[in-house]
Structure formats: structure tokens, C-alpha cells
PDB file of N, CA and C in Angstrom:
ATOM      1  N   MET A   1     -82.400 -77.163  22.121  1.00  0.00           N
ATOM      2  CA  MET A   1     -82.620 -75.734  22.257  1.00  0.00           C
ATOM      3  C   MET A   1     -83.265 -75.200  20.984  1.00  0.00           C
ATOM      4  N   ARG A   2     -84.140 -74.309  21.169  1.00  0.00           N
ATOM      5  CA  ARG A   2     -84.718 -73.651  20.009  1.00  0.00           C
ATOM      6  C   ARG A   2     -83.738 -72.626  19.484  1.00  0.00           C
ATOM      7  N   SER A   3     -84.015 -72.129  18.321  1.00  0.00           N
ATOM      8  CA  SER A   3     -83.104 -71.189  17.676  1.00  0.00           C
ATOM      9  C   SER A   3     -82.898 -69.929  18.519  1.00  0.00           C
ATOM     10  N   TRP A   4     -83.969 -69.399  19.109  1.00  0.00           N
ATOM     11  CA  TRP A   4     -83.826 -68.169  19.900  1.00  0.00           C
ATOM     12  C   TRP A   4     -83.034 -68.426  21.160  1.00  0.00           C
ATOM     13  N   ARG A   5     -83.144 -69.634  21.714  1.00  0.00           N
ATOM     14  CA  ARG A   5     -82.339 -69.955  22.890  1.00  0.00           C
ATOM     15  C   ARG A   5     -80.863 -70.039  22.522  1.00  0.00           C
ATOM     16  N   SER A   6     -80.589 -70.631  21.380  1.00  0.00           N
ATOM     17  CA  SER A   6     -79.200 -70.715  20.915  1.00  0.00           C
ATOM     18  C   SER A   6     -78.620 -69.327  20.720  1.00  0.00           C
ATOM     19  N   MET A   7     -79.396 -68.453  20.110  1.00  0.00           N
ATOM     20  CA  MET A   7     -78.911 -67.091  19.871  1.00  0.00           C
ATOM     21  C   MET A   7     -78.692 -66.354  21.191  1.00  0.00           C
ATOM     22  N   THR A   8     -79.560 -66.575  22.158  1.00  0.00           N
ATOM     23  CA  THR A   8     -79.397 -65.936  23.467  1.00  0.00           C
ATOM     24  C   THR A   8     -78.112 -66.408  24.132  1.00  0.00           C
ATOM     25  N   TRP A   9     -77.874 -67.713  24.109  1.00  0.00           N
ATOM     26  CA  TRP A   9     -76.646 -68.234  24.717  1.00  0.00           C
ATOM     27  C   TRP A   9     -75.404 -67.761  23.969  1.00  0.00           C
ATOM     28  N   LEU A  10     -75.497 -67.646  22.650  1.00  0.00           N
ATOM     29  CA  LEU A  10     -74.355 -67.135  21.883  1.00  0.00           C
ATOM     30  C   LEU A  10     -74.089 -65.667  22.212  1.00  0.00           C
ATOM     31  N   ARG A  11     -75.130 -64.896  22.436  1.00  0.00           N
ATOM     32  CA  ARG A  11     -74.934 -63.495  22.842  1.00  0.00           C
ATOM     33  C   ARG A  11     -74.285 -63.407  24.221  1.00  0.00           C
ATOM     34  N   ILE A  12     -74.704 -64.272  25.122  1.00  0.00           N
ATOM     35  CA  ILE A  12     -74.092 -64.301  26.452  1.00  0.00           C
ATOM     36  C   ILE A  12     -72.620 -64.676  26.343  1.00  0.00           C
ATOM     37  N   ALA A  13     -72.320 -65.677  25.529  1.00  0.00           N
ATOM     38  CA  ALA A  13     -70.925 -66.095  25.339  1.00  0.00           C
ATOM     39  C   ALA A  13     -70.096 -64.966  24.727  1.00  0.00           C
ATOM     40  N   SER A  14     -70.668 -64.239  23.787  1.00  0.00           N
ATOM     41  CA  SER A  14     -69.947 -63.115  23.172  1.00  0.00           C
ATOM     42  C   SER A  14     -69.683 -62.013  24.186  1.00  0.00           C
ATOM     43  N   PHE A  15     -70.685 -61.695  24.996  1.00  0.00           N
ATOM     44  CA  PHE A  15     -70.500 -60.671  26.020  1.00  0.00           C
ATOM     45  C   PHE A  15     -69.424 -61.085  27.016  1.00  0.00           C
ATOM     46  N   LEU A  16     -69.447 -62.340  27.443  1.00  0.00           N
ATOM     47  CA  LEU A  16     -68.443 -62.816  28.389  1.00  0.00           C
ATOM     48  C   LEU A  16     -67.039 -62.781  27.780  1.00  0.00           C
ATOM     49  N   ALA A  17     -66.933 -63.114  26.500  1.00  0.00           N
ATOM     50  CA  ALA A  17     -65.624 -63.062  25.839  1.00  0.00           C
ATOM     51  C   ALA A  17     -65.096 -61.631  25.797  1.00  0.00           C
ATOM     52  N   LEU A  18     -65.967 -60.677  25.502  1.00  0.00           N
ATOM     53  CA  LEU A  18     -65.542 -59.276  25.487  1.00  0.00           C
ATOM     54  C   LEU A  18     -65.167 -58.788  26.884  1.00  0.00           C
ATOM     55  N   LEU A  19     -65.910 -59.222  27.890  1.00  0.00           N
ATOM     56  CA  LEU A  19     -65.587 -58.870  29.264  1.00  0.00           C
ATOM     57  C   LEU A  19     -64.217 -59.424  29.659  1.00  0.00           C
ATOM     58  N   ALA A  20     -63.957 -60.674  29.303  1.00  0.00           N
ATOM     59  CA  ALA A  20     -62.661 -61.286  29.599  1.00  0.00           C
ATOM     60  C   ALA A  20     -61.532 -60.549  28.885  1.00  0.00           C
ATOM     61  N   LEU A  21     -61.766 -60.197  27.641  1.00  0.00           N
ATOM     62  CA  LEU A  21     -60.752 -59.455  26.890  1.00  0.00           C
ATOM     63  C   LEU A  21     -60.482 -58.103  27.532  1.00  0.00           C
ATOM     64  N   GLY A  22     -61.532 -57.443  27.995  1.00  0.00           N
ATOM     65  CA  GLY A  22     -61.366 -56.158  28.671  1.00  0.00           C
ATOM     66  C   GLY A  22     -60.573 -56.283  29.964  1.00  0.00           C
ATOM     67  N   LEU A  23     -60.847 -57.318  30.741  1.00  0.00           N
ATOM     68  CA  LEU A  23     -60.111 -57.521  31.990  1.00  0.00           C
ATOM     69  C   LEU A  23     -58.632 -57.807  31.728  1.00  0.00           C
ATOM     70  N   ILE A  24     -58.365 -58.637  30.750  1.00  0.00           N
ATOM     71  CA  ILE A  24     -56.971 -58.964  30.440  1.00  0.00           C
ATOM     72  C   ILE A  24     -56.237 -57.737  29.911  1.00  0.00           C
ATOM     73  N   THR A  25     -56.902 -56.943  29.087  1.00  0.00           N
ATOM     74  CA  THR A  25     -56.279 -55.720  28.570  1.00  0.00           C
ATOM     75  C   THR A  25     -56.046 -54.714  29.694  1.00  0.00           C
ATOM     76  N   TRP A  26     -56.996 -54.613  30.595  1.00  0.00           N
ATOM     77  CA  TRP A  26     -56.860 -53.685  31.714  1.00  0.00           C
ATOM     78  C   TRP A  26     -55.645 -54.042  32.568  1.00  0.00           C
ATOM     79  N   SER A  27     -55.376 -55.342  32.702  1.00  0.00           N
ATOM     80  CA  SER A  27     -54.228 -55.745  33.510  1.00  0.00           C
ATOM     81  C   SER A  27     -52.915 -55.272  32.887  1.00  0.00           C
ATOM     82  N   PHE A  28     -52.879 -55.090  31.575  1.00  0.00           N
ATOM     83  CA  PHE A  28     -51.672 -54.564  30.931  1.00  0.00           C
ATOM     84  C   PHE A  28     -51.593 -53.042  31.045  1.00  0.00           C
ATOM     85  N   LEU A  29     -52.737 -52.388  31.130  1.00  0.00           N
ATOM     86  CA  LEU A  29     -52.730 -50.929  31.232  1.00  0.00           C
ATOM     87  C   LEU A  29     -52.405 -50.458  32.644  1.00  0.00           C
ATOM     88  N   ASP A  30     -52.716 -51.265  33.644  1.00  0.00           N
ATOM     89  CA  ASP A  30     -52.403 -50.951  35.034  1.00  0.00           C
ATOM     90  C   ASP A  30     -51.574 -52.117  35.585  1.00  0.00           C
ATOM     91  N   PRO A  31     -50.259 -52.125  35.319  1.00  0.00           N
ATOM     92  CA  PRO A  31     -49.458 -53.331  35.564  1.00  0.00           C
ATOM     93  C   PRO A  31     -48.959 -53.531  36.998  1.00  0.00           C
ATOM     94  N   SER A  32     -49.768 -53.234  37.989  1.00  0.00           N
ATOM     95  CA  SER A  32     -49.343 -53.582  39.346  1.00  0.00           C
ATOM     96  C   SER A  32     -49.459 -55.108  39.488  1.00  0.00           C
ATOM     97  N   PRO A  33     -48.542 -55.727  40.186  1.00  0.00           N
ATOM     98  CA  PRO A  33     -48.494 -57.200  40.210  1.00  0.00           C
ATOM     99  C   PRO A  33     -49.786 -57.859  40.701  1.00  0.00           C
ATOM    100  N   PHE A  34     -50.370 -57.354  41.771  1.00  0.00           N
ATOM    101  CA  PHE A  34     -51.581 -57.980  42.301  1.00  0.00           C
ATOM    102  C   PHE A  34     -52.738 -57.873  41.305  1.00  0.00           C
ATOM    103  N   LEU A  35     -52.954 -56.671  40.748  1.00  0.00           N
ATOM    104  CA  LEU A  35     -54.059 -56.495  39.800  1.00  0.00           C
ATOM    105  C   LEU A  35     -53.835 -57.300  38.527  1.00  0.00           C
ATOM    106  N   MET A  36     -52.591 -57.403  38.085  1.00  0.00           N
ATOM    107  CA  MET A  36     -52.316 -58.176  36.876  1.00  0.00           C
ATOM    108  C   MET A  36     -52.673 -59.648  37.090  1.00  0.00           C
ATOM    109  N   ILE A  37     -52.251 -60.196  38.222  1.00  0.00           N
ATOM    110  CA  ILE A  37     -52.574 -61.600  38.508  1.00  0.00           C
ATOM    111  C   ILE A  37     -54.083 -61.785  38.653  1.00  0.00           C
ATOM    112  N   LEU A  38     -54.731 -60.881  39.365  1.00  0.00           N
ATOM    113  CA  LEU A  38     -56.169 -60.979  39.591  1.00  0.00           C
ATOM    114  C   LEU A  38     -56.952 -60.874  38.284  1.00  0.00           C
ATOM    115  N   PHE A  39     -56.703 -59.814  37.513  1.00  0.00           N
ATOM    116  CA  PHE A  39     -57.474 -59.599  36.291  1.00  0.00           C
ATOM    117  C   PHE A  39     -57.201 -60.665  35.237  1.00  0.00           C
ATOM    118  N   MET A  40     -55.947 -61.115  35.141  1.00  0.00           N
ATOM    119  CA  MET A  40     -55.660 -62.151  34.144  1.00  0.00           C
ATOM    120  C   MET A  40     -56.279 -63.482  34.551  1.00  0.00           C
ATOM    121  N   SER A  41     -56.303 -63.782  35.836  1.00  0.00           N
ATOM    122  CA  SER A  41     -56.922 -65.038  36.297  1.00  0.00           C
ATOM    123  C   SER A  41     -58.435 -65.008  36.108  1.00  0.00           C
ATOM    124  N   VAL A  42     -59.044 -63.916  36.522  1.00  0.00           N
ATOM    125  CA  VAL A  42     -60.504 -63.784  36.358  1.00  0.00           C
ATOM    126  C   VAL A  42     -60.868 -63.744  34.871  1.00  0.00           C
ATOM    127  N   GLY A  43     -60.078 -63.013  34.083  1.00  0.00           N
ATOM    128  CA  GLY A  43     -60.325 -62.951  32.638  1.00  0.00           C
ATOM    129  C   GLY A  43     -60.213 -64.308  31.973  1.00  0.00           C
ATOM    130  N   GLN A  44     -59.231 -65.093  32.398  1.00  0.00           N
ATOM    131  CA  GLN A  44     -59.080 -66.430  31.835  1.00  0.00           C
ATOM    132  C   GLN A  44     -60.271 -67.313  32.211  1.00  0.00           C
ATOM    133  N   GLY A  45     -60.733 -67.216  33.442  1.00  0.00           N
ATOM    134  CA  GLY A  45     -61.895 -67.998  33.864  1.00  0.00           C
ATOM    135  C   GLY A  45     -63.149 -67.624  33.090  1.00  0.00           C
ATOM    136  N   ILE A  46     -63.370 -66.322  32.938  1.00  0.00           N
ATOM    137  CA  ILE A  46     -64.556 -65.870  32.192  1.00  0.00           C
ATOM    138  C   ILE A  46     -64.438 -66.250  30.721  1.00  0.00           C
ATOM    139  N   GLY A  47     -63.249 -66.126  30.154  1.00  0.00           N
ATOM    140  CA  GLY A  47     -63.037 -66.515  28.754  1.00  0.00           C
ATOM    141  C   GLY A  47     -63.262 -68.003  28.536  1.00  0.00           C
ATOM    142  N   THR A  48     -62.823 -68.817  29.492  1.00  0.00           N
ATOM    143  CA  THR A  48     -63.036 -70.267  29.399  1.00  0.00           C
ATOM    144  C   THR A  48     -64.523 -70.595  29.480  1.00  0.00           C
ATOM    145  N   LEU A  49     -65.242 -69.925  30.382  1.00  0.00           N
ATOM    146  CA  LEU A  49     -66.686 -70.119  30.483  1.00  0.00           C
ATOM    147  C   LEU A  49     -67.375 -69.738  29.172  1.00  0.00           C
ATOM    148  N   SER A  50     -66.946 -68.650  28.579  1.00  0.00           N
ATOM    149  CA  SER A  50     -67.505 -68.198  27.309  1.00  0.00           C
ATOM    150  C   SER A  50     -67.297 -69.240  26.213  1.00  0.00           C
ATOM    151  N   LYS A  51     -66.104 -69.777  26.155  1.00  0.00           N
ATOM    152  CA  LYS A  51     -65.808 -70.781  25.130  1.00  0.00           C
ATOM    153  C   LYS A  51     -66.609 -72.053  25.361  1.00  0.00           C
ATOM    154  N   MET A  52     -66.781 -72.448  26.604  1.00  0.00           N
ATOM    155  CA  MET A  52     -67.559 -73.650  26.898  1.00  0.00           C
ATOM    156  C   MET A  52     -69.030 -73.466  26.514  1.00  0.00           C
ATOM    157  N   ILE A  53     -69.591 -72.299  26.790  1.00  0.00           N
ATOM    158  CA  ILE A  53     -70.976 -72.025  26.379  1.00  0.00           C
ATOM    159  C   ILE A  53     -71.098 -72.112  24.862  1.00  0.00           C
ATOM    160  N   PHE A  54     -70.144 -71.499  24.167  1.00  0.00           N
ATOM    161  CA  PHE A  54     -70.153 -71.526  22.702  1.00  0.00           C
ATOM    162  C   PHE A  54     -70.098 -72.965  22.187  1.00  0.00           C
ATOM    163  N   LEU A  55     -69.190 -73.773  22.737  1.00  0.00           N
ATOM    164  CA  LEU A  55     -69.053 -75.152  22.273  1.00  0.00           C
ATOM    165  C   LEU A  55     -70.301 -75.980  22.556  1.00  0.00           C
ATOM    166  N   VAL A  56     -70.920 -75.770  23.704  1.00  0.00           N
ATOM    167  CA  VAL A  56     -72.153 -76.502  24.029  1.00  0.00           C
ATOM    168  C   VAL A  56     -73.250 -76.160  23.031  1.00  0.00           C
ATOM    169  N   VAL A  57     -73.396 -74.894  22.705  1.00  0.00           N
ATOM    170  CA  VAL A  57     -74.437 -74.484  21.748  1.00  0.00           C
ATOM    171  C   VAL A  57     -74.153 -75.070  20.363  1.00  0.00           C
ATOM    172  N   VAL A  58     -72.908 -75.002  19.921  1.00  0.00           N
ATOM    173  CA  VAL A  58     -72.562 -75.518  18.591  1.00  0.00           C
ATOM    174  C   VAL A  58     -72.780 -77.028  18.525  1.00  0.00           C
ATOM    175  N   ILE A  59     -72.313 -77.750  19.529  1.00  0.00           N
ATOM    176  CA  ILE A  59     -72.482 -79.207  19.529  1.00  0.00           C
ATOM    177  C   ILE A  59     -73.956 -79.574  19.619  1.00  0.00           C
ATOM    178  N   HIS A  60     -74.697 -78.873  20.456  1.00  0.00           N
ATOM    179  CA  HIS A  60     -76.133 -79.164  20.579  1.00  0.00           C
ATOM    180  C   HIS A  60     -76.853 -78.918  19.260  1.00  0.00           C
ATOM    181  N   ASP A  61     -76.555 -77.814  18.605  1.00  0.00           N
ATOM    182  CA  ASP A  61     -77.201 -77.532  17.323  1.00  0.00           C
ATOM    183  C   ASP A  61     -76.772 -78.528  16.249  1.00  0.00           C
ATOM    184  N   ALA A  62     -75.512 -78.964  16.284  1.00  0.00           N
ATOM    185  CA  ALA A  62     -75.042 -79.937  15.298  1.00  0.00           C
ATOM    186  C   ALA A  62     -75.725 -81.283  15.496  1.00  0.00           C
ATOM    187  N   LEU A  63     -75.951 -81.674  16.738  1.00  0.00           N
ATOM    188  CA  LEU A  63     -76.630 -82.941  16.998  1.00  0.00           C
ATOM    189  C   LEU A  63     -78.126 -82.840  16.749  1.00  0.00           C
ATOM    190  N   LEU A  64     -78.693 -81.666  16.931  1.00  0.00           N
ATOM    191  CA  LEU A  64     -80.123 -81.472  16.758  1.00  0.00           C
ATOM    192  C   LEU A  64     -80.503 -81.331  15.286  1.00  0.00           C
ATOM    193  N   ARG A  65     -79.604 -80.804  14.493  1.00  0.00           N
ATOM    194  CA  ARG A  65     -79.912 -80.520  13.090  1.00  0.00           C
ATOM    195  C   ARG A  65     -80.367 -81.759  12.315  1.00  0.00           C
ATOM    196  N   PRO A  66     -79.685 -82.932  12.400  1.00  0.00           N
ATOM    197  CA  PRO A  66     -80.182 -84.085  11.631  1.00  0.00           C
ATOM    198  C   PRO A  66     -81.609 -84.475  12.004  1.00  0.00           C
ATOM    199  N   SER A  67     -81.964 -84.462  13.276  1.00  0.00           N
ATOM    200  CA  SER A  67     -83.326 -84.827  13.657  1.00  0.00           C
ATOM    201  C   SER A  67     -84.318 -83.766  13.183  1.00  0.00           C
ATOM    202  N   ARG A  68     -83.898 -82.509  13.180  1.00  0.00           N
ATOM    203  CA  ARG A  68     -84.764 -81.437  12.709  1.00  0.00           C
ATOM    204  C   ARG A  68     -85.004 -81.584  11.204  1.00  0.00           C
ATOM    205  N   LEU A  69     -83.946 -81.942  10.457  1.00  0.00           N
ATOM    206  CA  LEU A  69     -84.092 -82.115   9.019  1.00  0.00           C
ATOM    207  C   LEU A  69     -84.977 -83.314   8.690  1.00  0.00           C
ATOM    208  N   SER A  70     -84.810 -84.414   9.420  1.00  0.00           N
ATOM    209  CA  SER A  70     -85.642 -85.588   9.146  1.00  0.00           C
ATOM    210  C   SER A  70     -87.108 -85.293   9.477  1.00  0.00           C
ATOM    211  N   ALA A  71     -87.373 -84.522  10.519  1.00  0.00           N
ATOM    212  CA  ALA A  71     -88.751 -84.166  10.861  1.00  0.00           C
ATOM    213  C   ALA A  71     -89.358 -83.291   9.768  1.00  0.00           C
ATOM    214  N   GLU A  72     -88.573 -82.366   9.215  1.00  0.00           N
ATOM    215  CA  GLU A  72     -89.077 -81.521   8.128  1.00  0.00           C
ATOM    216  C   GLU A  72     -89.359 -82.351   6.887  1.00  0.00           C
ATOM    217  N   GLN A  73     -88.506 -83.328   6.589  1.00  0.00           N
ATOM    218  CA  GLN A  73     -88.726 -84.181   5.425  1.00  0.00           C
ATOM    219  C   GLN A  73     -89.988 -85.021   5.600  1.00  0.00           C
ATOM    220  N   GLU A  74     -90.219 -85.529   6.802  1.00  0.00           N
ATOM    221  CA  GLU A  74     -91.438 -86.303   7.064  1.00  0.00           C
ATOM    222  C   GLU A  74     -92.671 -85.419   6.893  1.00  0.00           C
ATOM    223  N   ASN A  75     -92.612 -84.188   7.338  1.00  0.00           N
ATOM    224  CA  ASN A  75     -93.741 -83.277   7.179  1.00  0.00           C
ATOM    225  C   ASN A  75     -94.009 -82.994   5.722  1.00  0.00           C
ATOM    226  N   GLU A  76     -92.953 -82.837   4.927  1.00  0.00           N
ATOM    227  CA  GLU A  76     -93.125 -82.589   3.491  1.00  0.00           C
ATOM    228  C   GLU A  76     -93.732 -83.806   2.804  1.00  0.00           C
ATOM    229  N   GLU A  77     -93.278 -85.006   3.196  1.00  0.00           N
ATOM    230  CA  GLU A  77     -93.806 -86.228   2.597  1.00  0.00           C
ATOM    231  C   GLU A  77     -95.292 -86.391   2.941  1.00  0.00           C
ATOM    232  N   GLN A  78     -95.659 -86.109   4.179  1.00  0.00           N
ATOM    233  CA  GLN A  78     -97.060 -86.222   4.580  1.00  0.00           C
ATOM    234  C   GLN A  78     -97.904 -85.176   3.858  1.00  0.00           C
ATOM    235  N   GLY A  79     -97.345 -84.004   3.649  1.00  0.00           N
ATOM    236  CA  GLY A  79     -98.072 -82.958   2.925  1.00  0.00           C
ATOM    237  C   GLY A  79     -98.280 -83.325   1.473  1.00  0.00           C
ATOM    238  N   SER A  80     -97.302 -83.982   0.848  1.00  0.00           N
ATOM    239  CA  SER A  80     -97.448 -84.351  -0.553  1.00  0.00           C
ATOM    240  C   SER A  80     -98.402 -85.533  -0.721  1.00  0.00           C
ATOM    241  N   LYS A  81     -98.505 -86.391   0.301  1.00  0.00           N
ATOM    242  CA  LYS A  81     -99.440 -87.511   0.222  1.00  0.00           C
ATOM    243  C   LYS A  81    -100.879 -87.059   0.343  1.00  0.00           C
ATOM    244  N   THR A  82    -101.129 -86.020   1.139  1.00  0.00           N
ATOM    245  CA  THR A  82    -102.499 -85.547   1.331  1.00  0.00           C
ATOM    246  C   THR A  82    -102.948 -84.669   0.183  1.00  0.00           C
ATOM    247  N   ALA A  83    -102.014 -84.098  -0.556  1.00  0.00           N
ATOM    248  CA  ALA A  83    -102.406 -83.198  -1.640  1.00  0.00           C
ATOM    249  C   ALA A  83    -102.728 -83.930  -2.906  1.00  0.00           C
TER     250      ALA A  83
END
């Protein structure tokens, strides 16, 4: 993923986390049994999805970084040889 794609996915994950937090909080403000079960279940699912997106982006960037650094070093070496 390019940097802008990573940032886009991180923004989506952040929005989903806030949405999940809002749903879970709402279930405490309106404590009818059905709504509490519904909102907490949906909030947990959305929160889990948010965390999975975050972890995928972090792991992908961590695995991509060494190859990106080696490519930059090769470019610098080629630039110094031609100069």
C-alpha cells in the first residue's frame, strides 16, 4: 500500500472505532434489554473490524518498510556512482 492508502485505511479504522464506541455508549444511555444487546453486539463487531483494519495496515507497512528502505539505498548508491 502506498502511504496515502495507509492513511485512508487508518482514517476508516478510526471512524469505525468511534462509531463502535458511540453505539456501546448509547446502549448504556438507553438501557432497554433488547437495545443494549443489539447495540453492544453491533458495536463489538464494528470495533473488531476497526482493529483488524488497523492491524493489517500496521503489519503491511512494517513488512513493506525494509524493502522500501533497501530500494532507497540502491537509488542513492546509483546516484553517487553516476555523479
